[in-house]
């Protein structure tokens, strides 16, 4: 027979055998009661332990089953270097050679024997257009030392005079340099580099010009001041002379004369004779 023990609150506390009513002596034996007591206590103690063990086993199982997080590798690299900007513009196809700028006075060719001034006059004389000759510059004089020797590699200079006069055909008034360089460029543009500009005469110290005058004291030419120049194309071609004289006008010479076998051109500039004498403004 079992005795039910109930607390004041009515909750079931324990169930234990009542020995004096028990039908079986084994149930009321002291040893049985001791074993029953320890079994009951062990059951009460093991219940929380089993919960803890179950929780640990569940956590271990979850850790084993759950996949490992995937590794994400992020590579950070510098952006590719930008190529340096470059220009690779191809040269334009060369068209027919043309002279630039536009022909002065509307003149493209100066006929053989004709003259023209920078004022577009066919009647002005050289003295009127380029100014008078003031002196004949002597070698090694003050005026002589104020001239320049043109070494432009694009122009051919005659060296027909013997030393020490060899460089005279490359010697000229400083104001001659600009129109002569322009003319060289125009010749290249006109004939595409197949024709070179040749200077056959520039400064003249031995009075080779004004051949019609037999009296040396009366010889007159702007070559004697380095303000005139004689030009031809190379290869030699008199058919190109008219065009060469037209280009000389466009290049900036002040007076041009087509002398058939060469083109004579002059500049209007302050005479070096007056510069050295102090008479120049």
Protein backbone atom coordinates (compact mmCIF):
# COMPACT_ATOMS: atom_id res chain seq x y z
CA UNK A 1 0.00 0.00 0.00
CA UNK A 2 1.32 3.46 -0.89
CA UNK A 3 0.97 6.72 1.01
CA UNK A 4 0.42 9.90 -0.94
CA UNK A 5 2.00 13.00 0.64
CA UNK A 6 0.44 16.31 -0.44
CA UNK A 7 1.72 19.78 0.49
CA UNK A 8 -0.44 22.55 1.96
CA UNK A 9 -0.68 24.13 -1.45
CA UNK A 10 -2.13 20.96 -2.80
CA UNK A 11 0.85 19.99 -4.93
CA UNK A 12 1.96 16.39 -5.03
CA UNK A 13 5.17 15.99 -3.04
CA UNK A 14 6.00 12.29 -3.07
CA UNK A 15 4.52 8.83 -3.12
CA UNK A 16 5.93 6.36 -0.66
CA UNK A 17 4.86 2.87 0.50
CA UNK A 18 2.95 2.37 3.71
CA UNK A 19 4.61 -0.68 5.24
CA UNK A 20 2.14 -1.52 7.86
CA UNK A 21 -0.53 -2.02 5.21
CA UNK A 22 1.74 -3.56 2.57
CA UNK A 23 0.83 -6.94 1.29
CA UNK A 24 4.39 -7.73 0.51
CA UNK A 25 7.15 -7.66 3.06
CA UNK A 26 9.80 -7.01 0.39
CA UNK A 27 8.35 -3.57 -0.31
CA UNK A 28 8.67 -2.61 3.32
CA UNK A 29 12.11 -4.04 3.82
CA UNK A 30 14.60 -1.32 4.92
CA UNK A 31 17.10 -2.17 2.22
CA UNK A 32 14.44 -1.82 -0.43
CA UNK A 33 13.47 1.56 0.95
CA UNK A 34 17.12 2.73 0.87
CA UNK A 35 17.53 1.59 -2.73
CA UNK A 36 14.24 3.19 -3.67
CA UNK A 37 15.31 6.44 -2.04
CA UNK A 38 18.64 6.64 -3.87
CA UNK A 39 17.00 5.70 -7.18
CA UNK A 40 14.51 8.49 -6.75
CA UNK A 41 17.23 11.00 -5.90
CA UNK A 42 19.42 9.89 -8.80
CA UNK A 43 16.50 10.29 -11.16
CA UNK A 44 15.94 13.79 -9.89
CA UNK A 45 19.69 14.62 -10.26
CA UNK A 46 20.16 13.07 -13.69
CA UNK A 47 17.23 14.92 -15.27
CA UNK A 48 19.05 18.32 -15.46
CA UNK A 49 22.29 16.57 -16.42
CA UNK A 50 20.61 14.87 -19.34
CA UNK A 51 19.24 18.22 -20.50
CA UNK A 52 22.76 19.70 -20.45
CA UNK A 53 24.20 16.67 -22.24
CA UNK A 54 21.43 16.77 -24.84
CA UNK A 55 22.06 20.46 -25.43
CA UNK A 56 25.79 19.85 -25.89
CA UNK A 57 25.14 16.98 -28.26
CA UNK A 58 22.71 19.13 -30.24
CA UNK A 59 25.25 21.95 -30.48
CA UNK A 60 27.98 19.54 -31.57
CA UNK A 61 25.69 18.01 -34.17
CA UNK A 62 24.77 21.45 -35.50
CA UNK A 63 28.42 22.44 -35.73
CA UNK A 64 29.26 19.27 -37.63
CA UNK A 65 26.35 19.47 -40.03
CA UNK A 66 26.52 23.21 -40.79
CA UNK A 67 28.86 23.95 -43.70
CA UNK A 68 31.90 26.06 -43.12
CA UNK A 69 31.50 29.64 -44.33
CA UNK A 70 33.00 30.09 -47.76
CA UNK A 71 36.07 32.24 -47.99
CA UNK A 72 35.57 35.31 -50.13
CA UNK A 73 38.81 36.59 -51.61
CA UNK A 74 38.68 40.17 -52.82
CA UNK A 75 41.56 41.31 -54.95
CA UNK A 76 42.07 45.06 -55.10
CA UNK A 77 44.30 46.11 -57.91
CA UNK A 78 45.25 49.46 -59.32
CA UNK A 79 43.41 50.53 -62.47
CA UNK A 80 45.36 50.00 -65.68
CA UNK A 81 47.61 52.92 -66.51
CA UNK A 82 46.21 55.21 -69.15
CA UNK A 83 48.30 55.50 -72.26
CA UNK A 84 49.70 58.74 -72.71
CA UNK A 85 47.70 60.68 -75.15
CA UNK A 86 49.43 60.81 -78.45
CA UNK A 87 48.80 62.38 -81.78
CA UNK A 88 49.33 60.30 -84.82
CA UNK A 89 47.81 62.59 -87.40
CA UNK A 90 48.88 61.48 -90.84
CA UNK A 91 50.18 64.18 -93.14
CA UNK A 92 47.69 65.36 -95.68
CA UNK A 93 48.10 64.09 -99.19
CA UNK A 94 50.06 66.60 -101.17
CA UNK A 95 48.08 68.19 -103.92
CA UNK A 96 49.38 70.07 -106.93
CA UNK A 97 52.14 72.50 -105.87
CA UNK A 98 50.77 75.99 -105.39
CA UNK A 99 52.39 79.23 -104.29
CA UNK A 100 51.18 80.84 -101.10
CA UNK A 101 50.23 83.51 -100.23
CA UNK A 102 48.10 84.76 -103.10
CA UNK A 103 50.06 86.46 -105.90
CA UNK A 104 50.69 90.13 -105.24
CA UNK A 105 49.15 92.59 -107.70
CA UNK A 106 47.37 89.60 -109.25
CA UNK A 107 50.64 88.78 -111.01
CA UNK A 108 51.58 85.14 -111.47
CA UNK A 109 54.26 85.62 -114.13
CA UNK A 110 56.42 88.55 -115.19
CA UNK A 111 57.05 88.44 -118.92
CA UNK A 112 60.64 88.59 -120.27
CA UNK A 113 61.97 92.17 -120.27
CA UNK A 114 59.18 93.46 -118.01
CA UNK A 115 59.68 95.20 -114.68
CA UNK A 116 57.27 95.65 -111.76
CA UNK A 117 57.40 97.42 -108.40
CA UNK A 118 55.87 96.42 -105.08
CA UNK A 119 53.32 99.18 -105.75
CA UNK A 120 52.14 97.15 -108.78
CA UNK A 121 53.63 99.67 -111.21
CA UNK A 122 55.12 98.47 -114.50
CA UNK A 123 56.67 101.87 -115.20
CA UNK A 124 58.49 102.78 -111.99
CA UNK A 125 62.25 102.66 -112.22
CA UNK A 126 64.43 100.77 -109.80
CA UNK A 127 65.59 104.02 -108.21
CA UNK A 128 61.99 105.15 -107.70
CA UNK A 129 60.89 101.81 -106.21
CA UNK A 130 63.98 100.77 -104.22
CA UNK A 131 65.78 104.08 -103.62
CA UNK A 132 69.07 105.39 -105.06
CA UNK A 133 72.52 103.93 -104.62
CA UNK A 134 74.41 106.11 -102.14
CA UNK A 135 77.86 104.57 -102.40
CA UNK A 136 79.87 101.60 -103.54
CA UNK A 137 80.68 99.64 -100.42
CA UNK A 138 84.38 98.89 -100.17
CA UNK A 139 85.64 95.64 -98.72
CA UNK A 140 86.55 95.77 -95.03
CA UNK A 141 84.82 99.12 -94.61
CA UNK A 142 82.27 99.93 -91.89
CA UNK A 143 79.35 99.31 -94.28
CA UNK A 144 80.95 96.07 -95.49
CA UNK A 145 81.10 94.78 -91.91
CA UNK A 146 77.38 95.50 -91.46
CA UNK A 147 76.37 93.12 -94.25
CA UNK A 148 75.47 89.52 -93.53
CA UNK A 149 76.53 86.24 -95.10
CA UNK A 150 73.49 84.10 -95.83
CA UNK A 151 74.04 80.40 -95.04
CA UNK A 152 70.52 79.16 -95.74
CA UNK A 153 70.94 75.45 -96.68
CA UNK A 154 67.81 75.57 -98.85
CA UNK A 155 69.39 78.14 -101.17
CA UNK A 156 72.31 77.55 -103.53
CA UNK A 157 74.84 80.40 -103.65
CA UNK A 158 77.16 80.80 -106.60
CA UNK A 159 80.86 80.77 -105.80
CA UNK A 160 82.22 81.77 -109.16
CA UNK A 161 84.56 84.44 -107.77
CA UNK A 162 88.08 83.48 -106.68
CA UNK A 163 89.17 83.76 -103.01
CA UNK A 164 88.90 85.93 -101.02
CA UNK A 165 85.79 87.00 -102.95
CA UNK A 166 84.12 83.57 -102.89
CA UNK A 167 81.47 84.52 -100.30
CA UNK A 168 80.41 87.78 -101.97
CA UNK A 169 77.42 86.19 -103.69
CA UNK A 170 76.12 85.17 -100.26
CA UNK A 171 76.73 88.63 -98.76
CA UNK A 172 73.81 91.07 -98.64
CA UNK A 173 72.03 93.84 -96.80
CA UNK A 174 70.31 92.45 -93.65
CA UNK A 175 66.91 93.54 -95.02
CA UNK A 176 67.41 91.14 -97.96
CA UNK A 177 67.22 88.10 -95.71
CA UNK A 178 63.45 87.98 -95.14
CA UNK A 179 62.17 88.26 -98.74
CA UNK A 180 64.87 85.85 -99.95
CA UNK A 181 63.86 83.24 -97.38
CA UNK A 182 60.20 83.67 -98.32
CA UNK A 183 61.07 83.24 -101.99
CA UNK A 184 62.92 80.01 -101.24
CA UNK A 185 59.82 78.68 -99.47
CA UNK A 186 57.58 79.71 -102.38
CA UNK A 187 59.86 77.97 -104.87
CA UNK A 188 59.66 74.78 -102.83
CA UNK A 189 55.87 75.04 -102.63
CA UNK A 190 55.57 75.78 -106.35
CA UNK A 191 57.69 72.95 -107.69
CA UNK A 192 57.50 70.45 -104.85
CA UNK A 193 61.19 70.43 -103.97
CA UNK A 194 62.27 69.48 -107.49
CA UNK A 195 63.59 72.99 -108.09
CA UNK A 196 66.12 74.88 -105.97
CA UNK A 197 66.58 78.63 -105.76
CA UNK A 198 70.03 79.77 -106.89
CA UNK A 199 71.65 83.14 -106.14
CA UNK A 200 74.10 83.94 -108.93
CA UNK A 201 75.02 87.43 -107.68
CA UNK A 202 74.47 89.55 -104.59
CA UNK A 203 77.05 92.00 -103.20
CA UNK A 204 79.60 93.07 -105.79
CA UNK A 205 82.88 94.72 -104.79
CA UNK A 206 84.63 94.38 -108.17
CA UNK A 207 82.01 96.26 -110.23
CA UNK A 208 80.88 93.37 -112.44
CA UNK A 209 77.48 95.02 -112.95
CA UNK A 210 76.40 97.95 -115.10
CA UNK A 211 78.36 96.51 -118.00
CA UNK A 212 77.15 99.21 -120.38
CA UNK A 213 79.07 101.82 -118.39
CA UNK A 214 82.75 101.82 -119.24
CA UNK A 215 83.75 104.44 -116.67
CA UNK A 216 84.23 102.70 -113.32
CA UNK A 217 83.55 105.95 -111.48
CA UNK A 218 80.14 106.18 -113.08
CA UNK A 219 79.06 102.56 -112.63
CA UNK A 220 75.75 102.36 -110.83
CA UNK A 221 74.07 99.27 -109.32
CA UNK A 222 72.37 98.39 -106.05
CA UNK A 223 74.55 95.26 -106.11
CA UNK A 224 77.35 97.55 -104.93
CA UNK A 225 75.37 98.12 -101.69
CA UNK A 226 74.16 94.53 -101.35
CA UNK A 227 70.56 95.61 -102.02
CA UNK A 228 70.12 93.75 -105.34
CA UNK A 229 70.24 90.05 -106.11
CA UNK A 230 70.18 87.89 -109.26
CA UNK A 231 68.19 84.65 -109.17
CA UNK A 232 67.72 81.55 -111.33
CA UNK A 233 66.03 78.19 -110.83
CA UNK A 234 68.00 74.96 -110.71
CA UNK A 235 67.91 72.90 -112.85
CA UNK A 236 68.26 75.82 -115.23
CA UNK A 237 65.04 76.47 -117.15
CA UNK A 238 64.28 79.85 -118.73
CA UNK A 239 60.64 78.78 -119.08
CA UNK A 240 60.37 79.05 -115.29
CA UNK A 241 61.90 82.54 -115.14
CA UNK A 242 58.60 84.40 -115.59
CA UNK A 243 57.05 82.46 -112.73
CA UNK A 244 60.13 82.93 -110.55
CA UNK A 245 59.91 86.72 -111.00
CA UNK A 246 56.21 86.60 -110.10
CA UNK A 247 57.06 84.71 -106.91
CA UNK A 248 59.77 87.26 -106.08
CA UNK A 249 57.15 90.03 -106.08
CA UNK A 250 54.92 87.99 -103.78
CA UNK A 251 57.88 87.26 -101.48
CA UNK A 252 58.33 90.98 -100.74
CA UNK A 253 60.99 92.37 -103.06
CA UNK A 254 60.41 96.02 -104.00
CA UNK A 255 61.42 95.96 -107.65
CA UNK A 256 61.75 93.00 -110.05
CA UNK A 257 63.11 92.77 -113.58
CA UNK A 258 62.84 89.67 -115.76
CA UNK A 259 66.17 89.78 -117.59
CA UNK A 260 65.38 86.60 -119.55
CA UNK A 261 68.37 84.57 -118.34
CA UNK A 262 67.88 85.58 -114.70
CA UNK A 263 65.49 87.42 -112.40
CA UNK A 264 66.86 90.63 -110.88
CA UNK A 265 65.28 91.77 -107.56
CA UNK A 266 65.97 94.73 -105.25
CA UNK A 267 64.89 95.94 -101.81
CA UNK A 268 64.14 99.43 -100.52
CA UNK A 269 66.11 99.71 -97.28
CA UNK A 270 68.30 102.25 -95.51
CA UNK A 271 71.71 102.23 -97.17
CA UNK A 272 74.50 100.82 -95.03
CA UNK A 273 76.61 103.69 -96.36
CA UNK A 274 74.44 106.20 -94.49
CA UNK A 275 74.37 104.00 -91.38
CA UNK A 276 78.13 104.14 -91.03
CA UNK A 277 78.37 107.83 -91.96
CA UNK A 278 75.81 108.78 -89.33
CA UNK A 279 73.47 110.21 -91.95
CA UNK A 280 70.81 107.54 -91.44
CA UNK A 281 67.78 108.61 -89.36
